[in-house]
Amino acid sequence: MTTVTIYRNKKNENIGFTTIGHAGYAEEGEDIVCAALSVLIINTINSIDAFAGAESSLVTDEEEGLIDFRLNEINDKTELLISSMILGINSMVEDENYAKYIQLIIEEV
């Protein structure tokens, strides 16, 4: 199972996220759940870097399936991009075929 934790501040602004674990839907290289999550998450990070002009930090560990992304600054573009990622992940969580492979947590920090 992949766990995605979204971090929000007291103003309900998205300030980062952590993903950990491998979905386990299928064998490595054939796991469509893992591939879809990876596209959503990596595209969000790349889009923030390319379009939002916000400083951030990133820690990864491929073996553990870890991506820890934190924003050092928040703006309308970072909010939109992370919200879009959450929408995509929620769509997967709500699908009965994929729900048991993904856990989405929203945490106030």
PDB file of N, CA and C in Angstrom:
ATOM      1  N   MET A   1       0.840  -1.178   0.000  1.00  0.00           N
ATOM      2  CA  MET A   1       0.000   0.000   0.000  1.00  0.00           C
ATOM      3  C   MET A   1       0.887   1.244   0.000  1.00  0.00           C
ATOM      4  N   THR A   2       0.450   2.246  -0.742  1.00  0.00           N
ATOM      5  CA  THR A   2       1.113   3.546  -0.726  1.00  0.00           C
ATOM      6  C   THR A   2       0.297   4.484   0.143  1.00  0.00           C
ATOM      7  N   THR A   3       0.973   5.134   1.067  1.00  0.00           N
ATOM      8  CA  THR A   3       0.327   6.131   1.917  1.00  0.00           C
ATOM      9  C   THR A   3       0.795   7.504   1.465  1.00  0.00           C
ATOM     10  N   VAL A   4      -0.171   8.375   1.187  1.00  0.00           N
ATOM     11  CA  VAL A   4       0.116   9.755   0.808  1.00  0.00           C
ATOM     12  C   VAL A   4      -0.415  10.633   1.934  1.00  0.00           C
ATOM     13  N   THR A   5       0.474  11.403   2.540  1.00  0.00           N
ATOM     14  CA  THR A   5       0.083  12.324   3.601  1.00  0.00           C
ATOM     15  C   THR A   5       0.286  13.745   3.090  1.00  0.00           C
ATOM     16  N   ILE A   6      -0.784  14.524   3.106  1.00  0.00           N
ATOM     17  CA  ILE A   6      -0.747  15.925   2.705  1.00  0.00           C
ATOM     18  C   ILE A   6      -0.633  16.751   3.972  1.00  0.00           C
ATOM     19  N   TYR A   7       0.296  17.685   3.990  1.00  0.00           N
ATOM     20  CA  TYR A   7       0.486  18.543   5.156  1.00  0.00           C
ATOM     21  C   TYR A   7      -0.109  19.914   4.886  1.00  0.00           C
ATOM     22  N   ARG A   8      -0.934  20.361   5.836  1.00  0.00           N
ATOM     23  CA  ARG A   8      -1.557  21.683   5.741  1.00  0.00           C
ATOM     24  C   ARG A   8      -1.256  22.472   7.003  1.00  0.00           C
ATOM     25  N   ASN A   9      -1.093  23.789   6.823  1.00  0.00           N
ATOM     26  CA  ASN A   9      -0.871  24.636   7.986  1.00  0.00           C
ATOM     27  C   ASN A   9      -2.207  25.051   8.590  1.00  0.00           C
ATOM     28  N   LYS A  10      -2.157  25.868   9.619  1.00  0.00           N
ATOM     29  CA  LYS A  10      -3.374  26.297  10.322  1.00  0.00           C
ATOM     30  C   LYS A  10      -4.300  27.136   9.438  1.00  0.00           C
ATOM     31  N   LYS A  11      -3.763  27.709   8.353  1.00  0.00           N
ATOM     32  CA  LYS A  11      -4.575  28.478   7.407  1.00  0.00           C
ATOM     33  C   LYS A  11      -5.191  27.578   6.334  1.00  0.00           C
ATOM     34  N   ASN A  12      -5.009  26.259   6.478  1.00  0.00           N
ATOM     35  CA  ASN A  12      -5.501  25.258   5.531  1.00  0.00           C
ATOM     36  C   ASN A  12      -4.796  25.348   4.172  1.00  0.00           C
ATOM     37  N   GLU A  13      -3.552  25.814   4.185  1.00  0.00           N
ATOM     38  CA  GLU A  13      -2.745  25.873   2.963  1.00  0.00           C
ATOM     39  C   GLU A  13      -1.903  24.608   2.868  1.00  0.00           C
ATOM     40  N   ASN A  14      -1.802  24.066   1.676  1.00  0.00           N
ATOM     41  CA  ASN A  14      -0.969  22.879   1.446  1.00  0.00           C
ATOM     42  C   ASN A  14       0.495  23.297   1.496  1.00  0.00           C
ATOM     43  N   ILE A  15       1.248  22.666   2.400  1.00  0.00           N
ATOM     44  CA  ILE A  15       2.655  23.042   2.556  1.00  0.00           C
ATOM     45  C   ILE A  15       3.612  21.912   2.176  1.00  0.00           C
ATOM     46  N   GLY A  16       3.054  20.773   1.772  1.00  0.00           N
ATOM     47  CA  GLY A  16       3.899  19.673   1.334  1.00  0.00           C
ATOM     48  C   GLY A  16       3.185  18.341   1.442  1.00  0.00           C
ATOM     49  N   PHE A  17       3.924  17.290   1.154  1.00  0.00           N
ATOM     50  CA  PHE A  17       3.361  15.948   1.221  1.00  0.00           C
ATOM     51  C   PHE A  17       4.463  14.913   1.307  1.00  0.00           C
ATOM     52  N   THR A  18       4.087  13.747   1.809  1.00  0.00           N
ATOM     53  CA  THR A  18       4.979  12.591   1.858  1.00  0.00           C
ATOM     54  C   THR A  18       4.236  11.407   1.269  1.00  0.00           C
ATOM     55  N   THR A  19       4.916  10.642   0.449  1.00  0.00           N
ATOM     56  CA  THR A  19       4.386   9.362  -0.012  1.00  0.00           C
ATOM     57  C   THR A  19       5.379   8.293   0.416  1.00  0.00           C
ATOM     58  N   ILE A  20       4.850   7.178   0.839  1.00  0.00           N
ATOM     59  CA  ILE A  20       5.727   6.081   1.225  1.00  0.00           C
ATOM     60  C   ILE A  20       5.047   4.750   0.922  1.00  0.00           C
ATOM     61  N   GLY A  21       5.861   3.822   0.485  1.00  0.00           N
ATOM     62  CA  GLY A  21       5.373   2.479   0.205  1.00  0.00           C
ATOM     63  C   GLY A  21       5.122   2.265  -1.274  1.00  0.00           C
ATOM     64  N   HIS A  22       5.007   1.008  -1.615  1.00  0.00           N
ATOM     65  CA  HIS A  22       4.698   0.610  -2.980  1.00  0.00           C
ATOM     66  C   HIS A  22       3.277   0.056  -2.994  1.00  0.00           C
ATOM     67  N   ALA A  23       2.523   0.395  -4.010  1.00  0.00           N
ATOM     68  CA  ALA A  23       1.099   0.052  -4.055  1.00  0.00           C
ATOM     69  C   ALA A  23       0.855  -1.453  -3.914  1.00  0.00           C
ATOM     70  N   GLY A  24       1.617  -2.251  -4.607  1.00  0.00           N
ATOM     71  CA  GLY A  24       1.427  -3.689  -4.525  1.00  0.00           C
ATOM     72  C   GLY A  24       0.257  -4.215  -5.341  1.00  0.00           C
ATOM     73  N   TYR A  25      -0.196  -3.444  -6.293  1.00  0.00           N
ATOM     74  CA  TYR A  25      -1.313  -3.857  -7.150  1.00  0.00           C
ATOM     75  C   TYR A  25      -0.885  -4.969  -8.101  1.00  0.00           C
ATOM     76  N   ALA A  26       0.352  -4.869  -8.579  1.00  0.00           N
ATOM     77  CA  ALA A  26       0.884  -5.863  -9.521  1.00  0.00           C
ATOM     78  C   ALA A  26       2.407  -5.903  -9.374  1.00  0.00           C
ATOM     79  N   GLU A  27       3.033  -6.764 -10.149  1.00  0.00           N
ATOM     80  CA  GLU A  27       4.492  -6.870 -10.134  1.00  0.00           C
ATOM     81  C   GLU A  27       5.133  -5.541 -10.563  1.00  0.00           C
ATOM     82  N   GLU A  28       6.353  -5.315 -10.084  1.00  0.00           N
ATOM     83  CA  GLU A  28       7.104  -4.121 -10.471  1.00  0.00           C
ATOM     84  C   GLU A  28       7.183  -4.050 -11.990  1.00  0.00           C
ATOM     85  N   GLY A  29       6.929  -2.877 -12.517  1.00  0.00           N
ATOM     86  CA  GLY A  29       6.935  -2.683 -13.959  1.00  0.00           C
ATOM     87  C   GLY A  29       5.568  -2.871 -14.600  1.00  0.00           C
ATOM     88  N   GLU A  30       4.629  -3.463 -13.857  1.00  0.00           N
ATOM     89  CA  GLU A  30       3.277  -3.685 -14.369  1.00  0.00           C
ATOM     90  C   GLU A  30       2.212  -3.102 -13.437  1.00  0.00           C
ATOM     91  N   ASP A  31       2.645  -2.395 -12.409  1.00  0.00           N
ATOM     92  CA  ASP A  31       1.739  -1.875 -11.385  1.00  0.00           C
ATOM     93  C   ASP A  31       1.158  -0.533 -11.833  1.00  0.00           C
ATOM     94  N   ILE A  32      -0.075  -0.571 -12.347  1.00  0.00           N
ATOM     95  CA  ILE A  32      -0.693   0.652 -12.880  1.00  0.00           C
ATOM     96  C   ILE A  32      -1.052   1.641 -11.776  1.00  0.00           C
ATOM     97  N   VAL A  33      -1.319   1.153 -10.572  1.00  0.00           N
ATOM     98  CA  VAL A  33      -1.619   2.056  -9.456  1.00  0.00           C
ATOM     99  C   VAL A  33      -0.368   2.840  -9.087  1.00  0.00           C
ATOM    100  N   CYS A  34       0.738   2.149  -8.962  1.00  0.00           N
ATOM    101  CA  CYS A  34       2.007   2.807  -8.648  1.00  0.00           C
ATOM    102  C   CYS A  34       2.393   3.798  -9.750  1.00  0.00           C
ATOM    103  N   ALA A  35       2.200   3.401 -10.987  1.00  0.00           N
ATOM    104  CA  ALA A  35       2.531   4.279 -12.114  1.00  0.00           C
ATOM    105  C   ALA A  35       1.670   5.537 -12.112  1.00  0.00           C
ATOM    106  N   ALA A  36       0.379   5.378 -11.865  1.00  0.00           N
ATOM    107  CA  ALA A  36      -0.520   6.538 -11.854  1.00  0.00           C
ATOM    108  C   ALA A  36      -0.174   7.492 -10.712  1.00  0.00           C
ATOM    109  N   LEU A  37       0.059   6.940  -9.530  1.00  0.00           N
ATOM    110  CA  LEU A  37       0.462   7.785  -8.401  1.00  0.00           C
ATOM    111  C   LEU A  37       1.771   8.501  -8.693  1.00  0.00           C
ATOM    112  N   SER A  38       2.717   7.781  -9.256  1.00  0.00           N
ATOM    113  CA  SER A  38       4.019   8.379  -9.573  1.00  0.00           C
ATOM    114  C   SER A  38       3.877   9.542 -10.540  1.00  0.00           C
ATOM    115  N   VAL A  39       3.061   9.371 -11.553  1.00  0.00           N
ATOM    116  CA  VAL A  39       2.848  10.449 -12.533  1.00  0.00           C
ATOM    117  C   VAL A  39       2.232  11.663 -11.845  1.00  0.00           C
ATOM    118  N   LEU A  40       1.193  11.444 -11.053  1.00  0.00           N
ATOM    119  CA  LEU A  40       0.556  12.563 -10.351  1.00  0.00           C
ATOM    120  C   LEU A  40       1.538  13.303  -9.451  1.00  0.00           C
ATOM    121  N   ILE A  41       2.295  12.569  -8.685  1.00  0.00           N
ATOM    122  CA  ILE A  41       3.190  13.164  -7.690  1.00  0.00           C
ATOM    123  C   ILE A  41       4.389  13.831  -8.345  1.00  0.00           C
ATOM    124  N   ILE A  42       5.054  13.129  -9.246  1.00  0.00           N
ATOM    125  CA  ILE A  42       6.243  13.688  -9.888  1.00  0.00           C
ATOM    126  C   ILE A  42       5.878  14.868 -10.774  1.00  0.00           C
ATOM    127  N   ASN A  43       4.758  14.788 -11.473  1.00  0.00           N
ATOM    128  CA  ASN A  43       4.331  15.917 -12.301  1.00  0.00           C
ATOM    129  C   ASN A  43       4.016  17.142 -11.438  1.00  0.00           C
ATOM    130  N   THR A  44       3.437  16.933 -10.279  1.00  0.00           N
ATOM    131  CA  THR A  44       3.151  18.050  -9.373  1.00  0.00           C
ATOM    132  C   THR A  44       4.451  18.716  -8.923  1.00  0.00           C
ATOM    133  N   ILE A  45       5.415  17.922  -8.526  1.00  0.00           N
ATOM    134  CA  ILE A  45       6.707  18.470  -8.088  1.00  0.00           C
ATOM    135  C   ILE A  45       7.371  19.224  -9.240  1.00  0.00           C
ATOM    136  N   ASN A  46       7.409  18.626 -10.418  1.00  0.00           N
ATOM    137  CA  ASN A  46       8.026  19.276 -11.579  1.00  0.00           C
ATOM    138  C   ASN A  46       7.275  20.548 -11.974  1.00  0.00           C
ATOM    139  N   SER A  47       5.956  20.530 -11.889  1.00  0.00           N
ATOM    140  CA  SER A  47       5.156  21.710 -12.243  1.00  0.00           C
ATOM    141  C   SER A  47       5.375  22.854 -11.258  1.00  0.00           C
ATOM    142  N   ILE A  48       5.459  22.529  -9.978  1.00  0.00           N
ATOM    143  CA  ILE A  48       5.750  23.569  -8.993  1.00  0.00           C
ATOM    144  C   ILE A  48       7.106  24.176  -9.273  1.00  0.00           C
ATOM    145  N   ASP A  49       8.075  23.334  -9.578  1.00  0.00           N
ATOM    146  CA  ASP A  49       9.420  23.815  -9.895  1.00  0.00           C
ATOM    147  C   ASP A  49       9.428  24.691 -11.147  1.00  0.00           C
ATOM    148  N   ALA A  50       8.697  24.292 -12.170  1.00  0.00           N
ATOM    149  CA  ALA A  50       8.719  25.008 -13.451  1.00  0.00           C
ATOM    150  C   ALA A  50       7.815  26.234 -13.499  1.00  0.00           C
ATOM    151  N   PHE A  51       6.671  26.182 -12.816  1.00  0.00           N
ATOM    152  CA  PHE A  51       5.659  27.214 -13.019  1.00  0.00           C
ATOM    153  C   PHE A  51       5.321  28.071 -11.801  1.00  0.00           C
ATOM    154  N   ALA A  52       5.597  27.593 -10.607  1.00  0.00           N
ATOM    155  CA  ALA A  52       5.104  28.295  -9.415  1.00  0.00           C
ATOM    156  C   ALA A  52       6.115  29.244  -8.789  1.00  0.00           C
ATOM    157  N   GLY A  53       7.376  29.092  -9.136  1.00  0.00           N
ATOM    158  CA  GLY A  53       8.386  29.987  -8.581  1.00  0.00           C
ATOM    159  C   GLY A  53       8.508  29.910  -7.068  1.00  0.00           C
ATOM    160  N   ALA A  54       8.278  28.743  -6.494  1.00  0.00           N
ATOM    161  CA  ALA A  54       8.344  28.575  -5.042  1.00  0.00           C
ATOM    162  C   ALA A  54       9.521  27.685  -4.671  1.00  0.00           C
ATOM    163  N   GLU A  55      10.239  28.080  -3.641  1.00  0.00           N
ATOM    164  CA  GLU A  55      11.339  27.252  -3.152  1.00  0.00           C
ATOM    165  C   GLU A  55      10.770  26.059  -2.396  1.00  0.00           C
ATOM    166  N   SER A  56      11.462  24.929  -2.529  1.00  0.00           N
ATOM    167  CA  SER A  56      10.991  23.704  -1.890  1.00  0.00           C
ATOM    168  C   SER A  56      12.170  22.802  -1.561  1.00  0.00           C
ATOM    169  N   SER A  57      11.877  21.740  -0.816  1.00  0.00           N
ATOM    170  CA  SER A  57      12.886  20.715  -0.543  1.00  0.00           C
ATOM    171  C   SER A  57      12.294  19.356  -0.923  1.00  0.00           C
ATOM    172  N   LEU A  58      13.167  18.460  -1.316  1.00  0.00           N
ATOM    173  CA  LEU A  58      12.737  17.140  -1.775  1.00  0.00           C
ATOM    174  C   LEU A  58      13.704  16.078  -1.267  1.00  0.00           C
ATOM    175  N   VAL A  59      13.153  15.026  -0.666  1.00  0.00           N
ATOM    176  CA  VAL A  59      13.924  13.870  -0.228  1.00  0.00           C
ATOM    177  C   VAL A  59      13.257  12.646  -0.838  1.00  0.00           C
ATOM    178  N   THR A  60      14.054  11.755  -1.430  1.00  0.00           N
ATOM    179  CA  THR A  60      13.504  10.538  -2.021  1.00  0.00           C
ATOM    180  C   THR A  60      14.322   9.319  -1.611  1.00  0.00           C
ATOM    181  N   ASP A  61      13.669   8.187  -1.591  1.00  0.00           N
ATOM    182  CA  ASP A  61      14.314   6.897  -1.378  1.00  0.00           C
ATOM    183  C   ASP A  61      13.510   5.885  -2.194  1.00  0.00           C
ATOM    184  N   GLU A  62      14.028   5.532  -3.350  1.00  0.00           N
ATOM    185  CA  GLU A  62      13.301   4.669  -4.283  1.00  0.00           C
ATOM    186  C   GLU A  62      12.985   3.302  -3.687  1.00  0.00           C
ATOM    187  N   GLU A  63      13.917   2.753  -2.926  1.00  0.00           N
ATOM    188  CA  GLU A  63      13.711   1.424  -2.351  1.00  0.00           C
ATOM    189  C   GLU A  63      12.508   1.402  -1.403  1.00  0.00           C
ATOM    190  N   GLU A  64      12.364   2.454  -0.596  1.00  0.00           N
ATOM    191  CA  GLU A  64      11.242   2.541   0.345  1.00  0.00           C
ATOM    192  C   GLU A  64       9.983   3.117  -0.300  1.00  0.00           C
ATOM    193  N   GLY A  65      10.123   3.645  -1.502  1.00  0.00           N
ATOM    194  CA  GLY A  65       8.993   4.307  -2.140  1.00  0.00           C
ATOM    195  C   GLY A  65       8.686   5.633  -1.478  1.00  0.00           C
ATOM    196  N   LEU A  66       9.733   6.325  -1.001  1.00  0.00           N
ATOM    197  CA  LEU A  66       9.568   7.569  -0.254  1.00  0.00           C
ATOM    198  C   LEU A  66       9.779   8.784  -1.140  1.00  0.00           C
ATOM    199  N   ILE A  67       8.837   9.704  -1.076  1.00  0.00           N
ATOM    200  CA  ILE A  67       9.001  11.050  -1.630  1.00  0.00           C
ATOM    201  C   ILE A  67       8.496  11.994  -0.557  1.00  0.00           C
ATOM    202  N   ASP A  68       9.367  12.864  -0.078  1.00  0.00           N
ATOM    203  CA  ASP A  68       9.000  13.870   0.913  1.00  0.00           C
ATOM    204  C   ASP A  68       9.254  15.237   0.289  1.00  0.00           C
ATOM    205  N   PHE A  69       8.184  15.971   0.053  1.00  0.00           N
ATOM    206  CA  PHE A  69       8.247  17.266  -0.628  1.00  0.00           C
ATOM    207  C   PHE A  69       7.672  18.321   0.296  1.00  0.00           C
ATOM    208  N   ARG A  70       8.439  19.384   0.530  1.00  0.00           N
ATOM    209  CA  ARG A  70       7.996  20.478   1.406  1.00  0.00           C
ATOM    210  C   ARG A  70       8.223  21.818   0.717  1.00  0.00           C
ATOM    211  N   LEU A  71       7.226  22.665   0.833  1.00  0.00           N
ATOM    212  CA  LEU A  71       7.325  24.012   0.282  1.00  0.00           C
ATOM    213  C   LEU A  71       7.915  24.956   1.324  1.00  0.00           C
ATOM    214  N   ASN A  72       8.838  25.795   0.891  1.00  0.00           N
ATOM    215  CA  ASN A  72       9.378  26.838   1.753  1.00  0.00           C
ATOM    216  C   ASN A  72       8.566  28.113   1.627  1.00  0.00           C
ATOM    217  N   GLU A  73       7.778  28.191   0.569  1.00  0.00           N
ATOM    218  CA  GLU A  73       6.874  29.317   0.358  1.00  0.00           C
ATOM    219  C   GLU A  73       5.639  28.819  -0.370  1.00  0.00           C
ATOM    220  N   ILE A  74       4.527  29.486  -0.118  1.00  0.00           N
ATOM    221  CA  ILE A  74       3.239  29.082  -0.665  1.00  0.00           C
ATOM    222  C   ILE A  74       2.686  30.224  -1.501  1.00  0.00           C
ATOM    223  N   ASN A  75       2.091  29.893  -2.642  1.00  0.00           N
ATOM    224  CA  ASN A  75       1.406  30.906  -3.440  1.00  0.00           C
ATOM    225  C   ASN A  75       0.202  30.255  -4.127  1.00  0.00           C
ATOM    226  N   ASP A  76      -0.546  31.042  -4.869  1.00  0.00           N
ATOM    227  CA  ASP A  76      -1.752  30.531  -5.531  1.00  0.00           C
ATOM    228  C   ASP A  76      -1.449  29.361  -6.465  1.00  0.00           C
ATOM    229  N   LYS A  77      -0.288  29.403  -7.122  1.00  0.00           N
ATOM    230  CA  LYS A  77       0.054  28.334  -8.062  1.00  0.00           C
ATOM    231  C   LYS A  77       0.371  27.033  -7.338  1.00  0.00           C
ATOM    232  N   THR A  78       1.095  27.121  -6.221  1.00  0.00           N
ATOM    233  CA  THR A  78       1.391  25.893  -5.477  1.00  0.00           C
ATOM    234  C   THR A  78       0.109  25.282  -4.935  1.00  0.00           C
ATOM    235  N   GLU A  79      -0.809  26.132  -4.481  1.00  0.00           N
ATOM    236  CA  GLU A  79      -2.097  25.640  -3.980  1.00  0.00           C
ATOM    237  C   GLU A  79      -2.878  24.924  -5.078  1.00  0.00           C
ATOM    238  N   LEU A  80      -2.918  25.531  -6.250  1.00  0.00           N
ATOM    239  CA  LEU A  80      -3.642  24.927  -7.369  1.00  0.00           C
ATOM    240  C   LEU A  80      -3.018  23.594  -7.779  1.00  0.00           C
ATOM    241  N   LEU A  81      -1.717  23.552  -7.880  1.00  0.00           N
ATOM    242  CA  LEU A  81      -1.047  22.333  -8.333  1.00  0.00           C
ATOM    243  C   LEU A  81      -1.192  21.191  -7.333  1.00  0.00           C
ATOM    244  N   ILE A  82      -1.021  21.482  -6.057  1.00  0.00           N
ATOM    245  CA  ILE A  82      -1.182  20.415  -5.057  1.00  0.00           C
ATOM    246  C   ILE A  82      -2.647  19.996  -4.957  1.00  0.00           C
ATOM    247  N   SER A  83      -3.564  20.950  -5.049  1.00  0.00           N
ATOM    248  CA  SER A  83      -4.992  20.605  -5.032  1.00  0.00           C
ATOM    249  C   SER A  83      -5.356  19.711  -6.212  1.00  0.00           C
ATOM    250  N   SER A  84      -4.767  19.968  -7.351  1.00  0.00           N
ATOM    251  CA  SER A  84      -4.996  19.137  -8.529  1.00  0.00           C
ATOM    252  C   SER A  84      -4.474  17.721  -8.297  1.00  0.00           C
ATOM    253  N   MET A  85      -3.311  17.601  -7.671  1.00  0.00           N
ATOM    254  CA  MET A  85      -2.756  16.289  -7.348  1.00  0.00           C
ATOM    255  C   MET A  85      -3.691  15.542  -6.396  1.00  0.00           C
ATOM    256  N   ILE A  86      -4.183  16.242  -5.377  1.00  0.00           N
ATOM    257  CA  ILE A  86      -5.095  15.630  -4.408  1.00  0.00           C
ATOM    258  C   ILE A  86      -6.363  15.146  -5.104  1.00  0.00           C
ATOM    259  N   LEU A  87      -6.887  15.926  -6.030  1.00  0.00           N
ATOM    260  CA  LEU A  87      -8.068  15.528  -6.789  1.00  0.00           C
ATOM    261  C   LEU A  87      -7.826  14.210  -7.527  1.00  0.00           C
ATOM    262  N   GLY A  88      -6.670  14.102  -8.167  1.00  0.00           N
ATOM    263  CA  GLY A  88      -6.333  12.871  -8.884  1.00  0.00           C
ATOM    264  C   GLY A  88      -6.191  11.679  -7.954  1.00  0.00           C
ATOM    265  N   ILE A  89      -5.529  11.883  -6.821  1.00  0.00           N
ATOM    266  CA  ILE A  89      -5.363  10.785  -5.857  1.00  0.00           C
ATOM    267  C   ILE A  89      -6.721  10.384  -5.278  1.00  0.00           C
ATOM    268  N   ASN A  90      -7.551  11.373  -4.958  1.00  0.00           N
ATOM    269  CA  ASN A  90      -8.891  11.078  -4.445  1.00  0.00           C
ATOM    270  C   ASN A  90      -9.699  10.245  -5.430  1.00  0.00           C
ATOM    271  N   SER A  91      -9.573  10.541  -6.707  1.00  0.00           N
ATOM    272  CA  SER A  91     -10.276   9.771  -7.731  1.00  0.00           C
ATOM    273  C   SER A  91      -9.866   8.302  -7.688  1.00  0.00           C
ATOM    274  N   MET A  92      -8.599   8.069  -7.450  1.00  0.00           N
ATOM    275  CA  MET A  92      -8.114   6.692  -7.354  1.00  0.00           C
ATOM    276  C   MET A  92      -8.615   6.024  -6.079  1.00  0.00           C
ATOM    277  N   VAL A  93      -8.568   6.754  -4.957  1.00  0.00           N
ATOM    278  CA  VAL A  93      -9.014   6.209  -3.674  1.00  0.00           C
ATOM    279  C   VAL A  93     -10.499   5.845  -3.721  1.00  0.00           C
ATOM    280  N   GLU A  94     -11.280   6.633  -4.438  1.00  0.00           N
ATOM    281  CA  GLU A  94     -12.720   6.390  -4.523  1.00  0.00           C
ATOM    282  C   GLU A  94     -13.088   5.246  -5.481  1.00  0.00           C
ATOM    283  N   ASP A  95     -12.145   4.783  -6.273  1.00  0.00           N
ATOM    284  CA  ASP A  95     -12.400   3.677  -7.193  1.00  0.00           C
ATOM    285  C   ASP A  95     -12.199   2.362  -6.443  1.00  0.00           C
ATOM    286  N   GLU A  96     -13.232   1.552  -6.390  1.00  0.00           N
ATOM    287  CA  GLU A  96     -13.178   0.303  -5.620  1.00  0.00           C
ATOM    288  C   GLU A  96     -12.073  -0.646  -6.089  1.00  0.00           C
ATOM    289  N   ASN A  97     -11.615  -0.509  -7.322  1.00  0.00           N
ATOM    290  CA  ASN A  97     -10.546  -1.373  -7.824  1.00  0.00           C
ATOM    291  C   ASN A  97      -9.175  -1.006  -7.270  1.00  0.00           C
ATOM    292  N   TYR A  98      -9.018   0.244  -6.826  1.00  0.00           N
ATOM    293  CA  TYR A  98      -7.701   0.722  -6.408  1.00  0.00           C
ATOM    294  C   TYR A  98      -7.644   1.158  -4.950  1.00  0.00           C
ATOM    295  N   ALA A  99      -8.778   1.319  -4.302  1.00  0.00           N
ATOM    296  CA  ALA A  99      -8.844   1.903  -2.960  1.00  0.00           C
ATOM    297  C   ALA A  99      -7.982   1.176  -1.936  1.00  0.00           C
ATOM    298  N   LYS A 100      -7.891  -0.131  -2.014  1.00  0.00           N
ATOM    299  CA  LYS A 100      -7.129  -0.861  -0.995  1.00  0.00           C
ATOM    300  C   LYS A 100      -5.615  -0.757  -1.181  1.00  0.00           C
ATOM    301  N   TYR A 101      -5.187  -0.086  -2.229  1.00  0.00           N
ATOM    302  CA  TYR A 101      -3.754   0.063  -2.493  1.00  0.00           C
ATOM    303  C   TYR A 101      -3.227   1.456  -2.161  1.00  0.00           C
ATOM    304  N   ILE A 102      -4.135   2.372  -1.787  1.00  0.00           N
ATOM    305  CA  ILE A 102      -3.768   3.769  -1.546  1.00  0.00           C
ATOM    306  C   ILE A 102      -4.453   4.260  -0.281  1.00  0.00           C
ATOM    307  N   GLN A 103      -3.693   4.936   0.566  1.00  0.00           N
ATOM    308  CA  GLN A 103      -4.268   5.607   1.725  1.00  0.00           C
ATOM    309  C   GLN A 103      -3.921   7.085   1.603  1.00  0.00           C
ATOM    310  N   LEU A 104      -4.922   7.956   1.718  1.00  0.00           N
ATOM    311  CA  LEU A 104      -4.720   9.407   1.644  1.00  0.00           C
ATOM    312  C   LEU A 104      -5.056  10.003   2.995  1.00  0.00           C
ATOM    313  N   ILE A 105      -4.093  10.716   3.570  1.00  0.00           N
ATOM    314  CA  ILE A 105      -4.238  11.349   4.881  1.00  0.00           C
ATOM    315  C   ILE A 105      -3.996  12.838   4.723  1.00  0.00           C
ATOM    316  N   ILE A 106      -4.855  13.638   5.334  1.00  0.00           N
ATOM    317  CA  ILE A 106      -4.652  15.087   5.388  1.00  0.00           C
ATOM    318  C   ILE A 106      -4.308  15.407   6.832  1.00  0.00           C
ATOM    319  N   GLU A 107      -3.166  16.051   7.039  1.00  0.00           N
ATOM    320  CA  GLU A 107      -2.675  16.292   8.398  1.00  0.00           C
ATOM    321  C   GLU A 107      -2.347  17.769   8.589  1.00  0.00           C
ATOM    322  N   GLU A 108      -2.868  18.350   9.677  1.00  0.00           N
ATOM    323  CA  GLU A 108      -2.523  19.734  10.003  1.00  0.00           C
ATOM    324  C   GLU A 108      -1.222  19.750  10.783  1.00  0.00           C
ATOM    325  N   VAL A 109      -0.312  20.589  10.360  1.00  0.00           N
ATOM    326  CA  VAL A 109       0.986  20.702  11.047  1.00  0.00           C
ATOM    327  C   VAL A 109       1.247  22.139  11.453  1.00  0.00           C
TER     328      VAL A 109
END
